[in-house]
Amino acid sequence: MNGDGHKPPSGWRIAVLGGGAWGTALALAMLRADHFVRLYARDPETV
């Protein structure tokens, strides 16, 4: 665990390019599977 009480991800480091419906769904699924996810989108408000 780190200082804020959360366990760091133990899976892969994944980058998702695109913040549309598929990109956000994929990012959320990978996050729930305990992977580190970075989501990139054209519109900063999406992220």
N, C-alpha and C. Protein backbone atom coordinates (compact mmCIF):
# COMPACT_ATOMS: atom_id res chain seq x y z
N MET A 1 0.83 -1.19 0.00
CA MET A 1 0.00 0.00 0.00
C MET A 1 0.87 1.25 0.00
N ASN A 2 0.34 2.29 -0.60
CA ASN A 2 1.07 3.55 -0.55
C ASN A 2 0.52 4.41 0.58
N GLY A 3 0.97 5.64 0.70
CA GLY A 3 0.64 6.50 1.83
C GLY A 3 -0.83 6.84 1.99
N ASP A 4 -1.61 6.80 0.90
CA ASP A 4 -3.02 7.17 1.03
C ASP A 4 -3.93 5.97 1.30
N GLY A 5 -3.35 4.80 1.55
CA GLY A 5 -4.14 3.63 1.91
C GLY A 5 -4.62 2.80 0.73
N HIS A 6 -4.29 3.21 -0.49
CA HIS A 6 -4.71 2.45 -1.66
C HIS A 6 -3.60 1.51 -2.11
N LYS A 7 -3.98 0.33 -2.50
CA LYS A 7 -3.01 -0.63 -3.03
C LYS A 7 -2.66 -0.23 -4.47
N PRO A 8 -1.37 -0.15 -4.80
CA PRO A 8 -1.00 0.18 -6.18
C PRO A 8 -1.40 -0.95 -7.12
N PRO A 9 -1.68 -0.63 -8.39
CA PRO A 9 -2.04 -1.67 -9.34
C PRO A 9 -0.92 -2.69 -9.49
N SER A 10 -1.31 -3.94 -9.65
CA SER A 10 -0.31 -5.00 -9.76
C SER A 10 -0.23 -5.57 -11.16
N GLY A 11 -1.06 -5.08 -12.06
CA GLY A 11 -1.10 -5.62 -13.42
C GLY A 11 -0.23 -4.86 -14.39
N TRP A 12 -0.67 -4.86 -15.63
CA TRP A 12 0.06 -4.20 -16.71
C TRP A 12 -0.15 -2.69 -16.66
N ARG A 13 0.75 -1.97 -17.36
CA ARG A 13 0.58 -0.53 -17.58
C ARG A 13 -0.02 -0.39 -18.98
N ILE A 14 -1.22 0.18 -19.06
CA ILE A 14 -1.98 0.23 -20.30
C ILE A 14 -2.30 1.68 -20.66
N ALA A 15 -2.09 2.03 -21.93
CA ALA A 15 -2.50 3.34 -22.45
C ALA A 15 -3.66 3.13 -23.40
N VAL A 16 -4.74 3.88 -23.19
CA VAL A 16 -5.90 3.82 -24.06
C VAL A 16 -5.95 5.14 -24.82
N LEU A 17 -5.92 5.06 -26.15
CA LEU A 17 -5.96 6.25 -26.99
C LEU A 17 -7.37 6.44 -27.51
N GLY A 18 -8.04 7.46 -27.02
CA GLY A 18 -9.41 7.75 -27.44
C GLY A 18 -10.35 7.67 -26.26
N GLY A 19 -11.06 8.76 -26.03
CA GLY A 19 -11.95 8.84 -24.88
C GLY A 19 -13.42 8.69 -25.24
N GLY A 20 -13.70 8.04 -26.36
CA GLY A 20 -15.10 7.80 -26.73
C GLY A 20 -15.69 6.67 -25.89
N ALA A 21 -16.83 6.17 -26.34
CA ALA A 21 -17.53 5.13 -25.59
C ALA A 21 -16.67 3.88 -25.42
N TRP A 22 -16.02 3.43 -26.49
CA TRP A 22 -15.20 2.22 -26.41
C TRP A 22 -13.94 2.45 -25.58
N GLY A 23 -13.31 3.61 -25.76
CA GLY A 23 -12.08 3.89 -25.01
C GLY A 23 -12.31 3.97 -23.52
N THR A 24 -13.37 4.66 -23.11
CA THR A 24 -13.64 4.77 -21.68
C THR A 24 -14.09 3.44 -21.09
N ALA A 25 -14.87 2.66 -21.85
CA ALA A 25 -15.29 1.34 -21.37
C ALA A 25 -14.08 0.42 -21.20
N LEU A 26 -13.17 0.45 -22.16
CA LEU A 26 -11.97 -0.38 -22.07
C LEU A 26 -11.10 0.06 -20.91
N ALA A 27 -10.92 1.36 -20.74
CA ALA A 27 -10.10 1.87 -19.64
C ALA A 27 -10.69 1.46 -18.29
N LEU A 28 -11.99 1.56 -18.14
CA LEU A 28 -12.65 1.19 -16.89
C LEU A 28 -12.53 -0.30 -16.62
N ALA A 29 -12.70 -1.12 -17.66
CA ALA A 29 -12.57 -2.57 -17.49
C ALA A 29 -11.15 -2.95 -17.07
N MET A 30 -10.15 -2.33 -17.67
CA MET A 30 -8.77 -2.63 -17.31
C MET A 30 -8.44 -2.13 -15.91
N LEU A 31 -8.98 -0.99 -15.53
CA LEU A 31 -8.77 -0.45 -14.19
C LEU A 31 -9.37 -1.39 -13.14
N ARG A 32 -10.56 -1.89 -13.41
CA ARG A 32 -11.21 -2.82 -12.49
C ARG A 32 -10.48 -4.16 -12.41
N ALA A 33 -9.71 -4.49 -13.46
CA ALA A 33 -8.92 -5.72 -13.46
C ALA A 33 -7.55 -5.49 -12.82
N ASP A 34 -7.38 -4.37 -12.12
CA ASP A 34 -6.17 -4.04 -11.36
C ASP A 34 -4.96 -3.73 -12.23
N HIS A 35 -5.20 -3.07 -13.37
CA HIS A 35 -4.11 -2.61 -14.22
C HIS A 35 -3.96 -1.10 -14.06
N PHE A 36 -2.77 -0.58 -14.29
CA PHE A 36 -2.54 0.86 -14.31
C PHE A 36 -2.96 1.36 -15.68
N VAL A 37 -3.89 2.29 -15.73
CA VAL A 37 -4.44 2.76 -17.00
C VAL A 37 -4.23 4.26 -17.15
N ARG A 38 -3.78 4.66 -18.32
CA ARG A 38 -3.70 6.08 -18.67
C ARG A 38 -4.57 6.28 -19.90
N LEU A 39 -5.54 7.18 -19.79
CA LEU A 39 -6.49 7.44 -20.87
C LEU A 39 -6.13 8.76 -21.55
N TYR A 40 -5.95 8.72 -22.86
CA TYR A 40 -5.66 9.91 -23.64
C TYR A 40 -6.85 10.23 -24.53
N ALA A 41 -7.28 11.49 -24.51
CA ALA A 41 -8.41 11.91 -25.33
C ALA A 41 -8.13 13.29 -25.91
N ARG A 42 -8.76 13.57 -27.02
CA ARG A 42 -8.57 14.87 -27.68
C ARG A 42 -9.11 16.00 -26.81
N ASP A 43 -10.28 15.79 -26.20
CA ASP A 43 -10.92 16.81 -25.37
C ASP A 43 -10.53 16.60 -23.91
N PRO A 44 -9.84 17.57 -23.29
CA PRO A 44 -9.38 17.40 -21.90
C PRO A 44 -10.51 17.17 -20.90
N GLU A 45 -11.72 17.64 -21.21
CA GLU A 45 -12.84 17.44 -20.29
C GLU A 45 -13.29 15.98 -20.23
N THR A 46 -12.96 15.20 -21.25
CA THR A 46 -13.32 13.78 -21.26
C THR A 46 -12.56 13.03 -20.19
N VAL A 47 -11.31 13.38 -20.02
CA VAL A 47 -10.46 12.68 -19.06
C VAL A 47 -10.71 13.27 -17.70
